[in-house]
Amino acid sequence: MEKTMYYSDYLGLDKILNSQHPESDREGNQKAHDEMLFIIIHQAYELWFKQLLYEVDSVAAVMNRPSLNDNSPELQTIVHRLQRVVTILKVLVHQIDIMETMTPMDFLDFRDMLRPASGFQSWQFKVLEAKLGLKYENRHGQDYYTSHLRNYHVAIIKAAEEEKPLLTLINAWLERMPFFEEKLWASYHAVYVQSLAEAEKENAGYFEEVFINRSANDTRQLSPKACRNALFIMAYRGYPMLELPFQLLNTLLEIDEQLGTWRYRHMNMVQRMIGTRIGTGGSSGAGYLKAAMDKHSIFKEIAQLTSFLLERKNLPVLPQEVKNQLGFTN
């Protein structure tokens, strides 16, 4: 006989709906009405972080295979799941609208009861940043970013930092792109340098640094070859074979944009709520969030490539055999 499945059992609602335990409900404390909202909002964030990690892990698993078949549904699956990541991040931004229905005085009713707990201690979000490609050495606040976490959560973060992040997998995927050979690169390079206005001549040296010769102390995660191929995708994205690769690169930029928007909204909300106070977890509050927003751009190396795009009228014409490869076959 088949087991009867109930909606509440399938979703584990008994556990979820009984997982809110406001500190202000404890005996001897004054009831703070908005603490329930605060708890539920942050629980919802953590559920969405779990889903984001689930999607990013699934994408990394596909890209970590010995070879990614671009002529199969695999690349479409990657783009689709990363676009879902973008949509979820937009939801995280909009949840701040709900949080901002709480006034600073409403927050002060229970804020001191939280110490030293803080959203800064979200280990899932730190794992997500690491899996996307934020390196430890590029983090703001290295001295305390795991200082108030349990040891096993720190271990999970450190393990994530040892994995190949999405940005590294993207680099390997870009490096093996077959179309943009040295002859095509030489043509693009020549036209680019020729098209520079006198005031932009200093960009020529930067161009060499990004796409050709790296200095010994360079810390970029995208290799010169990967950068050349990414630029080719951006410049010639109108060809059918490059449509999905362009969508992939563009989706990565959208992820960075939404993470930046979330940090910006979060920073403004914190300034509104607590002003210049120190965060409950010991961070500098809004100051930390601003510094992280400025520094924690994960896919900025891809974004910077747009500096080197040519106008369509100046793009070198591709050889017919390359056009054939990039178009639909008859």
C-alpha atoms as a PDB file:
ATOM      1  CA  MET A   1       0.000   0.000   0.000  1.00  0.00           C
ATOM      2  CA  GLU A   2       1.373   3.397  -1.023  1.00  0.00           C
ATOM      3  CA  LYS A   3       2.260   5.812   1.747  1.00  0.00           C
ATOM      4  CA  THR A   4       0.007   8.869   1.876  1.00  0.00           C
ATOM      5  CA  MET A   5       2.044  11.999   1.232  1.00  0.00           C
ATOM      6  CA  TYR A   6       0.887  15.200   2.868  1.00  0.00           C
ATOM      7  CA  TYR A   7       2.008  18.680   1.835  1.00  0.00           C
ATOM      8  CA  SER A   8       3.235  19.564   5.332  1.00  0.00           C
ATOM      9  CA  ASP A   9       5.191  16.315   5.666  1.00  0.00           C
ATOM     10  CA  TYR A  10       6.837  16.689   2.237  1.00  0.00           C
ATOM     11  CA  LEU A  11       8.017  20.199   3.092  1.00  0.00           C
ATOM     12  CA  GLY A  12       8.885  19.434   6.709  1.00  0.00           C
ATOM     13  CA  LEU A  13       6.680  22.312   7.799  1.00  0.00           C
ATOM     14  CA  ASP A  14       6.493  21.190  11.421  1.00  0.00           C
ATOM     15  CA  LYS A  15      10.257  21.742  11.701  1.00  0.00           C
ATOM     16  CA  ILE A  16      10.363  24.916   9.628  1.00  0.00           C
ATOM     17  CA  LEU A  17       7.400  26.666  11.258  1.00  0.00           C
ATOM     18  CA  ASN A  18       8.618  25.823  14.739  1.00  0.00           C
ATOM     19  CA  SER A  19      12.158  27.073  14.154  1.00  0.00           C
ATOM     20  CA  GLN A  20      11.558  30.690  15.178  1.00  0.00           C
ATOM     21  CA  HIS A  21      12.552  31.354  18.784  1.00  0.00           C
ATOM     22  CA  PRO A  22      12.779  35.100  19.487  1.00  0.00           C
ATOM     23  CA  GLU A  23      15.114  36.029  22.323  1.00  0.00           C
ATOM     24  CA  SER A  24      12.628  38.696  23.369  1.00  0.00           C
ATOM     25  CA  ASP A  25      10.082  35.960  24.152  1.00  0.00           C
ATOM     26  CA  ARG A  26      12.284  34.640  26.934  1.00  0.00           C
ATOM     27  CA  GLU A  27      11.111  35.224  30.471  1.00  0.00           C
ATOM     28  CA  GLY A  28      12.325  38.534  31.845  1.00  0.00           C
ATOM     29  CA  ASN A  29      12.750  40.156  28.411  1.00  0.00           C
ATOM     30  CA  GLN A  30      10.446  42.767  26.936  1.00  0.00           C
ATOM     31  CA  LYS A  31       8.550  41.530  23.864  1.00  0.00           C
ATOM     32  CA  ALA A  32       9.938  42.917  20.565  1.00  0.00           C
ATOM     33  CA  HIS A  33       7.342  42.466  17.843  1.00  0.00           C
ATOM     34  CA  ASP A  34       9.735  42.866  14.886  1.00  0.00           C
ATOM     35  CA  GLU A  35      12.156  40.184  16.031  1.00  0.00           C
ATOM     36  CA  MET A  36       9.957  37.535  14.377  1.00  0.00           C
ATOM     37  CA  LEU A  37      10.289  39.340  11.043  1.00  0.00           C
ATOM     38  CA  PHE A  38      14.054  39.593  11.529  1.00  0.00           C
ATOM     39  CA  ILE A  39      14.367  35.853  12.160  1.00  0.00           C
ATOM     40  CA  ILE A  40      12.150  34.769   9.260  1.00  0.00           C
ATOM     41  CA  ILE A  41      13.901  37.086   6.776  1.00  0.00           C
ATOM     42  CA  HIS A  42      17.303  35.654   7.713  1.00  0.00           C
ATOM     43  CA  GLN A  43      16.049  32.073   7.666  1.00  0.00           C
ATOM     44  CA  ALA A  44      14.710  32.727   4.159  1.00  0.00           C
ATOM     45  CA  TYR A  45      18.130  34.104   3.165  1.00  0.00           C
ATOM     46  CA  GLU A  46      19.837  30.948   4.377  1.00  0.00           C
ATOM     47  CA  LEU A  47      17.393  28.736   2.463  1.00  0.00           C
ATOM     48  CA  TRP A  48      18.106  30.701  -0.697  1.00  0.00           C
ATOM     49  CA  PHE A  49      21.856  30.465  -0.023  1.00  0.00           C
ATOM     50  CA  LYS A  50      21.423  26.684   0.149  1.00  0.00           C
ATOM     51  CA  GLN A  51      19.711  26.711  -3.250  1.00  0.00           C
ATOM     52  CA  LEU A  52      22.410  28.968  -4.712  1.00  0.00           C
ATOM     53  CA  LEU A  53      25.100  26.545  -3.534  1.00  0.00           C
ATOM     54  CA  TYR A  54      23.104  23.656  -5.004  1.00  0.00           C
ATOM     55  CA  GLU A  55      22.999  25.377  -8.414  1.00  0.00           C
ATOM     56  CA  VAL A  56      26.654  26.478  -8.392  1.00  0.00           C
ATOM     57  CA  ASP A  57      27.816  22.998  -7.338  1.00  0.00           C
ATOM     58  CA  SER A  58      25.820  21.428 -10.174  1.00  0.00           C
ATOM     59  CA  VAL A  59      27.372  23.820 -12.703  1.00  0.00           C
ATOM     60  CA  ALA A  60      30.878  23.154 -11.358  1.00  0.00           C
ATOM     61  CA  ALA A  61      30.295  19.400 -11.611  1.00  0.00           C
ATOM     62  CA  VAL A  62      29.493  19.717 -15.321  1.00  0.00           C
ATOM     63  CA  MET A  63      32.375  22.090 -16.048  1.00  0.00           C
ATOM     64  CA  ASN A  64      34.832  19.956 -14.076  1.00  0.00           C
ATOM     65  CA  ARG A  65      34.443  16.998 -16.405  1.00  0.00           C
ATOM     66  CA  PRO A  66      37.432  16.119 -18.624  1.00  0.00           C
ATOM     67  CA  SER A  67      35.659  17.810 -21.547  1.00  0.00           C
ATOM     68  CA  LEU A  68      32.553  19.931 -21.893  1.00  0.00           C
ATOM     69  CA  ASN A  69      30.625  19.118 -25.056  1.00  0.00           C
ATOM     70  CA  ASP A  70      29.551  22.472 -26.470  1.00  0.00           C
ATOM     71  CA  ASN A  71      27.408  20.685 -29.072  1.00  0.00           C
ATOM     72  CA  SER A  72      25.293  19.023 -26.375  1.00  0.00           C
ATOM     73  CA  PRO A  73      22.703  20.430 -23.967  1.00  0.00           C
ATOM     74  CA  GLU A  74      25.431  20.775 -21.311  1.00  0.00           C
ATOM     75  CA  LEU A  75      26.279  24.413 -22.043  1.00  0.00           C
ATOM     76  CA  GLN A  76      22.605  25.346 -22.159  1.00  0.00           C
ATOM     77  CA  THR A  77      22.129  23.655 -18.776  1.00  0.00           C
ATOM     78  CA  ILE A  78      25.008  25.668 -17.318  1.00  0.00           C
ATOM     79  CA  VAL A  79      23.626  28.961 -18.634  1.00  0.00           C
ATOM     80  CA  HIS A  80      20.099  28.105 -17.468  1.00  0.00           C
ATOM     81  CA  ARG A  81      21.192  27.284 -13.913  1.00  0.00           C
ATOM     82  CA  LEU A  82      23.401  30.353 -13.620  1.00  0.00           C
ATOM     83  CA  GLN A  83      20.519  32.508 -14.846  1.00  0.00           C
ATOM     84  CA  ARG A  84      18.474  30.962 -12.046  1.00  0.00           C
ATOM     85  CA  VAL A  85      21.228  32.098  -9.668  1.00  0.00           C
ATOM     86  CA  VAL A  86      20.766  35.647 -10.988  1.00  0.00           C
ATOM     87  CA  THR A  87      17.003  35.477 -10.425  1.00  0.00           C
ATOM     88  CA  ILE A  88      17.438  34.206  -6.860  1.00  0.00           C
ATOM     89  CA  LEU A  89      19.901  37.009  -6.129  1.00  0.00           C
ATOM     90  CA  LYS A  90      17.285  39.502  -7.330  1.00  0.00           C
ATOM     91  CA  VAL A  91      14.878  37.996  -4.782  1.00  0.00           C
ATOM     92  CA  LEU A  92      17.503  38.475  -2.054  1.00  0.00           C
ATOM     93  CA  VAL A  93      17.742  42.149  -2.993  1.00  0.00           C
ATOM     94  CA  HIS A  94      13.957  42.580  -2.872  1.00  0.00           C
ATOM     95  CA  GLN A  95      13.752  40.928   0.560  1.00  0.00           C
ATOM     96  CA  ILE A  96      15.493  44.034   1.897  1.00  0.00           C
ATOM     97  CA  ASP A  97      12.293  45.940   1.058  1.00  0.00           C
ATOM     98  CA  ILE A  98      10.517  43.803   3.654  1.00  0.00           C
ATOM     99  CA  MET A  99      13.305  44.237   6.188  1.00  0.00           C
ATOM    100  CA  GLU A 100      13.137  48.008   5.777  1.00  0.00           C
ATOM    101  CA  THR A 101       9.571  48.031   7.081  1.00  0.00           C
ATOM    102  CA  MET A 102      11.317  47.681  10.453  1.00  0.00           C
ATOM    103  CA  THR A 103      12.344  51.041  11.908  1.00  0.00           C
ATOM    104  CA  PRO A 104      15.615  51.704  13.786  1.00  0.00           C
ATOM    105  CA  MET A 105      13.686  51.878  17.059  1.00  0.00           C
ATOM    106  CA  ASP A 106      11.997  48.546  16.281  1.00  0.00           C
ATOM    107  CA  PHE A 107      15.458  47.010  15.785  1.00  0.00           C
ATOM    108  CA  LEU A 108      16.840  48.513  18.983  1.00  0.00           C
ATOM    109  CA  ASP A 109      14.097  46.711  20.915  1.00  0.00           C
ATOM    110  CA  PHE A 110      15.995  43.432  20.476  1.00  0.00           C
ATOM    111  CA  ARG A 111      19.373  44.217  18.886  1.00  0.00           C
ATOM    112  CA  ASP A 112      21.488  43.811  22.027  1.00  0.00           C
ATOM    113  CA  MET A 113      19.967  40.363  22.615  1.00  0.00           C
ATOM    114  CA  LEU A 114      21.636  39.110  19.426  1.00  0.00           C
ATOM    115  CA  ARG A 115      25.269  39.652  20.405  1.00  0.00           C
ATOM    116  CA  PRO A 116      27.580  38.268  19.178  1.00  0.00           C
ATOM    117  CA  ALA A 117      25.358  36.712  16.487  1.00  0.00           C
ATOM    118  CA  SER A 118      25.375  38.556  13.163  1.00  0.00           C
ATOM    119  CA  GLY A 119      24.502  38.051   9.522  1.00  0.00           C
ATOM    120  CA  PHE A 120      28.242  38.518   9.016  1.00  0.00           C
ATOM    121  CA  GLN A 121      28.549  34.956  10.365  1.00  0.00           C
ATOM    122  CA  SER A 122      26.628  33.389   7.468  1.00  0.00           C
ATOM    123  CA  TRP A 123      29.025  30.579   6.605  1.00  0.00           C
ATOM    124  CA  GLN A 124      26.913  29.582   3.589  1.00  0.00           C
ATOM    125  CA  PHE A 125      27.382  33.002   1.975  1.00  0.00           C
ATOM    126  CA  LYS A 126      31.150  32.842   2.507  1.00  0.00           C
ATOM    127  CA  VAL A 127      31.182  29.368   0.905  1.00  0.00           C
ATOM    128  CA  LEU A 128      29.189  30.725  -2.039  1.00  0.00           C
ATOM    129  CA  GLU A 129      31.698  33.538  -2.569  1.00  0.00           C
ATOM    130  CA  ALA A 130      34.579  31.034  -2.461  1.00  0.00           C
ATOM    131  CA  LYS A 131      32.898  28.645  -4.893  1.00  0.00           C
ATOM    132  CA  LEU A 132      32.284  31.474  -7.348  1.00  0.00           C
ATOM    133  CA  GLY A 133      35.923  32.576  -7.234  1.00  0.00           C
ATOM    134  CA  LEU A 134      36.587  35.032  -4.397  1.00  0.00           C
ATOM    135  CA  LYS A 135      40.038  34.148  -3.077  1.00  0.00           C
ATOM    136  CA  TYR A 136      40.956  34.454   0.579  1.00  0.00           C
ATOM    137  CA  GLU A 137      43.750  36.919  -0.220  1.00  0.00           C
ATOM    138  CA  ASN A 138      41.233  39.192  -1.962  1.00  0.00           C
ATOM    139  CA  ARG A 139      38.805  39.264   0.967  1.00  0.00           C
ATOM    140  CA  HIS A 140      38.206  42.332   3.049  1.00  0.00           C
ATOM    141  CA  GLY A 141      38.485  41.786   6.797  1.00  0.00           C
ATOM    142  CA  GLN A 142      40.566  38.601   6.659  1.00  0.00           C
ATOM    143  CA  ASP A 143      41.424  38.862  10.364  1.00  0.00           C
ATOM    144  CA  TYR A 144      37.876  38.345  11.554  1.00  0.00           C
ATOM    145  CA  TYR A 145      35.828  36.934   8.699  1.00  0.00           C
ATOM    146  CA  THR A 146      35.711  33.510  10.387  1.00  0.00           C
ATOM    147  CA  SER A 147      36.526  34.586  13.954  1.00  0.00           C
ATOM    148  CA  HIS A 148      33.004  34.106  15.371  1.00  0.00           C
ATOM    149  CA  LEU A 149      32.137  30.873  13.579  1.00  0.00           C
ATOM    150  CA  ARG A 150      32.060  27.344  14.923  1.00  0.00           C
ATOM    151  CA  ASN A 151      35.121  25.296  13.988  1.00  0.00           C
ATOM    152  CA  TYR A 152      33.215  22.928  11.704  1.00  0.00           C
ATOM    153  CA  HIS A 153      31.768  25.871   9.753  1.00  0.00           C
ATOM    154  CA  VAL A 154      35.266  27.305   9.353  1.00  0.00           C
ATOM    155  CA  ALA A 155      36.379  23.899   8.057  1.00  0.00           C
ATOM    156  CA  ILE A 156      33.585  23.922   5.453  1.00  0.00           C
ATOM    157  CA  ILE A 157      34.651  27.386   4.254  1.00  0.00           C
ATOM    158  CA  LYS A 158      38.321  26.390   4.069  1.00  0.00           C
ATOM    159  CA  ALA A 159      37.422  23.227   2.136  1.00  0.00           C
ATOM    160  CA  ALA A 160      35.454  25.334  -0.360  1.00  0.00           C
ATOM    161  CA  GLU A 161      38.466  27.624  -0.783  1.00  0.00           C
ATOM    162  CA  GLU A 162      40.560  24.592  -1.752  1.00  0.00           C
ATOM    163  CA  GLU A 163      38.189  23.562  -4.563  1.00  0.00           C
ATOM    164  CA  LYS A 164      38.431  24.794  -8.134  1.00  0.00           C
ATOM    165  CA  PRO A 165      36.097  27.800  -8.140  1.00  0.00           C
ATOM    166  CA  LEU A 166      33.755  28.604 -10.987  1.00  0.00           C
ATOM    167  CA  LEU A 167      36.073  31.338 -12.267  1.00  0.00           C
ATOM    168  CA  THR A 168      38.926  28.810 -12.636  1.00  0.00           C
ATOM    169  CA  LEU A 169      36.634  26.412 -14.512  1.00  0.00           C
ATOM    170  CA  ILE A 170      35.535  29.274 -16.783  1.00  0.00           C
ATOM    171  CA  ASN A 171      39.197  30.024 -17.485  1.00  0.00           C
ATOM    172  CA  ALA A 172      39.830  26.410 -18.576  1.00  0.00           C
ATOM    173  CA  TRP A 173      36.699  26.440 -20.760  1.00  0.00           C
ATOM    174  CA  LEU A 174      37.741  29.693 -22.464  1.00  0.00           C
ATOM    175  CA  GLU A 175      41.299  28.493 -23.072  1.00  0.00           C
ATOM    176  CA  ARG A 176      40.167  25.553 -25.197  1.00  0.00           C
ATOM    177  CA  MET A 177      37.874  27.558 -27.507  1.00  0.00           C
ATOM    178  CA  PRO A 178      38.980  26.543 -31.035  1.00  0.00           C
ATOM    179  CA  PHE A 179      38.050  29.477 -33.278  1.00  0.00           C
ATOM    180  CA  PHE A 180      40.214  32.414 -32.273  1.00  0.00           C
ATOM    181  CA  GLU A 181      43.607  31.427 -33.663  1.00  0.00           C
ATOM    182  CA  GLU A 182      46.729  33.582 -33.606  1.00  0.00           C
ATOM    183  CA  LYS A 183      46.104  34.936 -37.122  1.00  0.00           C
ATOM    184  CA  LEU A 184      42.723  36.312 -36.080  1.00  0.00           C
ATOM    185  CA  TRP A 185      44.200  37.742 -32.897  1.00  0.00           C
ATOM    186  CA  ALA A 186      46.925  39.567 -34.845  1.00  0.00           C
ATOM    187  CA  SER A 187      44.265  41.190 -37.035  1.00  0.00           C
ATOM    188  CA  TYR A 188      42.187  42.306 -34.049  1.00  0.00           C
ATOM    189  CA  HIS A 189      45.260  43.580 -32.207  1.00  0.00           C
ATOM    190  CA  ALA A 190      46.400  45.653 -35.184  1.00  0.00           C
ATOM    191  CA  VAL A 191      42.981  47.234 -35.718  1.00  0.00           C
ATOM    192  CA  TYR A 192      42.563  47.939 -32.004  1.00  0.00           C
ATOM    193  CA  VAL A 193      45.907  49.754 -31.676  1.00  0.00           C
ATOM    194  CA  GLN A 194      45.225  51.706 -34.878  1.00  0.00           C
ATOM    195  CA  SER A 195      41.798  52.796 -33.639  1.00  0.00           C
ATOM    196  CA  LEU A 196      43.041  54.208 -30.331  1.00  0.00           C
ATOM    197  CA  ALA A 197      42.727  57.947 -30.010  1.00  0.00           C
ATOM    198  CA  GLU A 198      45.846  59.791 -28.923  1.00  0.00           C
ATOM    199  CA  ALA A 199      44.432  60.239 -25.422  1.00  0.00           C
ATOM    200  CA  GLU A 200      44.002  56.450 -25.102  1.00  0.00           C
ATOM    201  CA  LYS A 201      47.477  55.414 -26.155  1.00  0.00           C
ATOM    202  CA  GLU A 202      48.300  54.396 -22.590  1.00  0.00           C
ATOM    203  CA  ASN A 203      45.688  51.631 -22.992  1.00  0.00           C
ATOM    204  CA  ALA A 204      48.024  49.933 -25.443  1.00  0.00           C
ATOM    205  CA  GLY A 205      50.340  48.893 -22.598  1.00  0.00           C
ATOM    206  CA  TYR A 206      47.401  47.661 -20.524  1.00  0.00           C
ATOM    207  CA  PHE A 207      46.224  45.722 -23.582  1.00  0.00           C
ATOM    208  CA  GLU A 208      49.563  43.907 -23.768  1.00  0.00           C
ATOM    209  CA  GLU A 209      49.425  43.124 -20.025  1.00  0.00           C
ATOM    210  CA  VAL A 210      45.939  41.603 -20.201  1.00  0.00           C
ATOM    211  CA  PHE A 211      46.160  39.689 -23.460  1.00  0.00           C
ATOM    212  CA  ILE A 212      49.820  38.891 -24.164  1.00  0.00           C
ATOM    213  CA  ASN A 213      52.589  39.253 -21.564  1.00  0.00           C
ATOM    214  CA  ARG A 214      51.858  39.098 -17.840  1.00  0.00           C
ATOM    215  CA  SER A 215      54.210  40.563 -15.281  1.00  0.00           C
ATOM    216  CA  ALA A 216      55.658  38.245 -12.626  1.00  0.00           C
ATOM    217  CA  ASN A 217      53.511  39.723  -9.841  1.00  0.00           C
ATOM    218  CA  ASP A 218      50.245  39.603 -11.791  1.00  0.00           C
ATOM    219  CA  THR A 219      47.373  38.103  -9.784  1.00  0.00           C
ATOM    220  CA  ARG A 220      44.695  37.774 -12.458  1.00  0.00           C
ATOM    221  CA  GLN A 221      42.750  34.514 -12.506  1.00  0.00           C
ATOM    222  CA  LEU A 222      42.034  34.616 -16.252  1.00  0.00           C
ATOM    223  CA  SER A 223      45.002  33.755 -18.467  1.00  0.00           C
ATOM    224  CA  PRO A 224      45.924  35.885 -21.519  1.00  0.00           C
ATOM    225  CA  LYS A 225      44.573  33.150 -23.820  1.00  0.00           C
ATOM    226  CA  ALA A 226      41.286  32.990 -21.904  1.00  0.00           C
ATOM    227  CA  CYS A 227      41.001  36.785 -22.109  1.00  0.00           C
ATOM    228  CA  ARG A 228      41.625  36.742 -25.870  1.00  0.00           C
ATOM    229  CA  ASN A 229      38.953  34.115 -26.390  1.00  0.00           C
ATOM    230  CA  ALA A 230      36.468  35.890 -24.124  1.00  0.00           C
ATOM    231  CA  LEU A 231      37.013  39.107 -26.081  1.00  0.00           C
ATOM    232  CA  PHE A 232      36.413  37.200 -29.312  1.00  0.00           C
ATOM    233  CA  ILE A 233      33.108  35.870 -27.931  1.00  0.00           C
ATOM    234  CA  MET A 234      32.024  39.374 -26.941  1.00  0.00           C
ATOM    235  CA  ALA A 235      33.056  40.938 -30.259  1.00  0.00           C
ATOM    236  CA  TYR A 236      31.531  38.312 -32.556  1.00  0.00           C
ATOM    237  CA  ARG A 237      28.600  37.217 -30.385  1.00  0.00           C
ATOM    238  CA  GLY A 238      26.150  37.616 -33.290  1.00  0.00           C
ATOM    239  CA  TYR A 239      27.262  34.294 -34.767  1.00  0.00           C
ATOM    240  CA  PRO A 240      25.082  31.330 -33.695  1.00  0.00           C
ATOM    241  CA  MET A 241      27.924  29.279 -32.205  1.00  0.00           C
ATOM    242  CA  LEU A 242      28.884  32.151 -29.914  1.00  0.00           C
ATOM    243  CA  GLU A 243      25.392  32.992 -28.651  1.00  0.00           C
ATOM    244  CA  LEU A 244      25.441  30.584 -25.684  1.00  0.00           C
ATOM    245  CA  PRO A 245      29.078  31.336 -24.753  1.00  0.00           C
ATOM    246  CA  PHE A 246      28.197  35.038 -24.698  1.00  0.00           C
ATOM    247  CA  GLN A 247      25.148  34.346 -22.544  1.00  0.00           C
ATOM    248  CA  LEU A 248      27.386  32.479 -20.110  1.00  0.00           C
ATOM    249  CA  LEU A 249      29.853  35.372 -19.811  1.00  0.00           C
ATOM    250  CA  ASN A 250      27.037  37.907 -19.562  1.00  0.00           C
ATOM    251  CA  THR A 251      25.312  35.870 -16.843  1.00  0.00           C
ATOM    252  CA  LEU A 252      28.502  35.867 -14.767  1.00  0.00           C
ATOM    253  CA  LEU A 253      28.540  39.659 -15.001  1.00  0.00           C
ATOM    254  CA  GLU A 254      24.898  39.719 -13.902  1.00  0.00           C
ATOM    255  CA  ILE A 255      25.782  37.591 -10.863  1.00  0.00           C
ATOM    256  CA  ASP A 256      28.431  40.141  -9.877  1.00  0.00           C
ATOM    257  CA  GLU A 257      25.986  42.983 -10.506  1.00  0.00           C
ATOM    258  CA  GLN A 258      23.290  41.441  -8.302  1.00  0.00           C
ATOM    259  CA  LEU A 259      25.777  40.615  -5.529  1.00  0.00           C
ATOM    260  CA  GLY A 260      26.959  44.226  -5.682  1.00  0.00           C
ATOM    261  CA  THR A 261      23.374  45.506  -5.596  1.00  0.00           C
ATOM    262  CA  TRP A 262      22.613  43.297  -2.606  1.00  0.00           C
ATOM    263  CA  ARG A 263      25.672  44.570  -0.754  1.00  0.00           C
ATOM    264  CA  TYR A 264      24.770  48.176  -1.612  1.00  0.00           C
ATOM    265  CA  ARG A 265      21.183  47.807  -0.388  1.00  0.00           C
ATOM    266  CA  HIS A 266      22.394  45.980   2.714  1.00  0.00           C
ATOM    267  CA  MET A 267      24.930  48.714   3.448  1.00  0.00           C
ATOM    268  CA  ASN A 268      22.333  51.465   3.122  1.00  0.00           C
ATOM    269  CA  MET A 269      19.900  49.548   5.314  1.00  0.00           C
ATOM    270  CA  VAL A 270      22.551  49.083   8.016  1.00  0.00           C
ATOM    271  CA  GLN A 271      23.441  52.797   7.900  1.00  0.00           C
ATOM    272  CA  ARG A 272      19.766  53.620   8.294  1.00  0.00           C
ATOM    273  CA  MET A 273      19.288  51.152  11.155  1.00  0.00           C
ATOM    274  CA  ILE A 274      22.401  51.590  13.282  1.00  0.00           C
ATOM    275  CA  GLY A 275      24.275  54.590  11.855  1.00  0.00           C
ATOM    276  CA  THR A 276      27.978  54.319  12.718  1.00  0.00           C
ATOM    277  CA  ARG A 277      27.557  51.690  15.441  1.00  0.00           C
ATOM    278  CA  ILE A 278      29.724  48.558  15.403  1.00  0.00           C
ATOM    279  CA  GLY A 279      27.913  45.464  14.080  1.00  0.00           C
ATOM    280  CA  THR A 280      26.635  42.901  16.577  1.00  0.00           C
ATOM    281  CA  GLY A 281      29.250  40.448  15.293  1.00  0.00           C
ATOM    282  CA  GLY A 282      32.124  42.870  15.870  1.00  0.00           C
ATOM    283  CA  SER A 283      32.549  44.139  12.305  1.00  0.00           C
ATOM    284  CA  SER A 284      32.600  47.853  11.489  1.00  0.00           C
ATOM    285  CA  GLY A 285      28.984  47.607  10.372  1.00  0.00           C
ATOM    286  CA  ALA A 286      28.208  49.741   7.324  1.00  0.00           C
ATOM    287  CA  GLY A 287      31.938  50.474   6.894  1.00  0.00           C
ATOM    288  CA  TYR A 288      32.707  46.783   6.456  1.00  0.00           C
ATOM    289  CA  LEU A 289      29.861  46.353   3.977  1.00  0.00           C
ATOM    290  CA  LYS A 290      31.074  49.289   1.869  1.00  0.00           C
ATOM    291  CA  ALA A 291      34.640  47.976   1.757  1.00  0.00           C
ATOM    292  CA  ALA A 292      33.394  44.482   0.834  1.00  0.00           C
ATOM    293  CA  MET A 293      31.172  45.942  -1.887  1.00  0.00           C
ATOM    294  CA  ASP A 294      34.174  47.745  -3.393  1.00  0.00           C
ATOM    295  CA  LYS A 295      36.544  44.774  -3.158  1.00  0.00           C
ATOM    296  CA  HIS A 296      34.498  41.585  -3.561  1.00  0.00           C
ATOM    297  CA  SER A 297      33.852  41.807  -7.303  1.00  0.00           C
ATOM    298  CA  ILE A 298      34.388  38.213  -8.445  1.00  0.00           C
ATOM    299  CA  PHE A 299      34.105  38.434 -12.239  1.00  0.00           C
ATOM    300  CA  LYS A 300      35.631  41.894 -12.694  1.00  0.00           C
ATOM    301  CA  GLU A 301      38.311  40.519 -15.041  1.00  0.00           C
ATOM    302  CA  ILE A 302      35.567  39.596 -17.504  1.00  0.00           C
ATOM    303  CA  ALA A 303      33.894  43.001 -17.082  1.00  0.00           C
ATOM    304  CA  GLN A 304      37.186  44.786 -17.764  1.00  0.00           C
ATOM    305  CA  LEU A 305      37.437  43.180 -21.206  1.00  0.00           C
ATOM    306  CA  THR A 306      34.727  45.499 -22.524  1.00  0.00           C
ATOM    307  CA  SER A 307      37.380  48.243 -22.427  1.00  0.00           C
ATOM    308  CA  PHE A 308      38.951  46.604 -25.464  1.00  0.00           C
ATOM    309  CA  LEU A 309      35.906  46.093 -27.681  1.00  0.00           C
ATOM    310  CA  LEU A 310      35.898  47.680 -31.127  1.00  0.00           C
ATOM    311  CA  GLU A 311      32.933  49.281 -32.837  1.00  0.00           C
ATOM    312  CA  ARG A 312      31.203  46.828 -35.162  1.00  0.00           C
ATOM    313  CA  LYS A 313      32.243  48.850 -38.223  1.00  0.00           C
ATOM    314  CA  ASN A 314      35.913  48.424 -37.198  1.00  0.00           C
ATOM    315  CA  LEU A 315      35.834  44.696 -36.441  1.00  0.00           C
ATOM    316  CA  PRO A 316      38.185  42.677 -38.671  1.00  0.00           C
ATOM    317  CA  VAL A 317      36.200  40.571 -41.146  1.00  0.00           C
ATOM    318  CA  LEU A 318      36.441  36.881 -40.272  1.00  0.00           C
ATOM    319  CA  PRO A 319      37.714  34.435 -42.884  1.00  0.00           C
ATOM    320  CA  GLN A 320      34.933  32.501 -44.623  1.00  0.00           C
ATOM    321  CA  GLU A 321      36.009  29.176 -43.121  1.00  0.00           C
ATOM    322  CA  VAL A 322      35.679  30.631 -39.619  1.00  0.00           C
ATOM    323  CA  LYS A 323      32.267  32.097 -40.477  1.00  0.00           C
ATOM    324  CA  ASN A 324      31.211  28.638 -41.614  1.00  0.00           C
ATOM    325  CA  GLN A 325      32.300  27.145 -38.308  1.00  0.00           C
ATOM    326  CA  LEU A 326      30.423  29.780 -36.334  1.00  0.00           C
ATOM    327  CA  GLY A 327      27.193  29.551 -38.328  1.00  0.00           C
ATOM    328  CA  PHE A 328      24.512  26.957 -38.903  1.00  0.00           C
ATOM    329  CA  THR A 329      25.506  24.141 -41.246  1.00  0.00           C
ATOM    330  CA  ASN A 330      23.524  23.610 -44.456  1.00  0.00           C
END
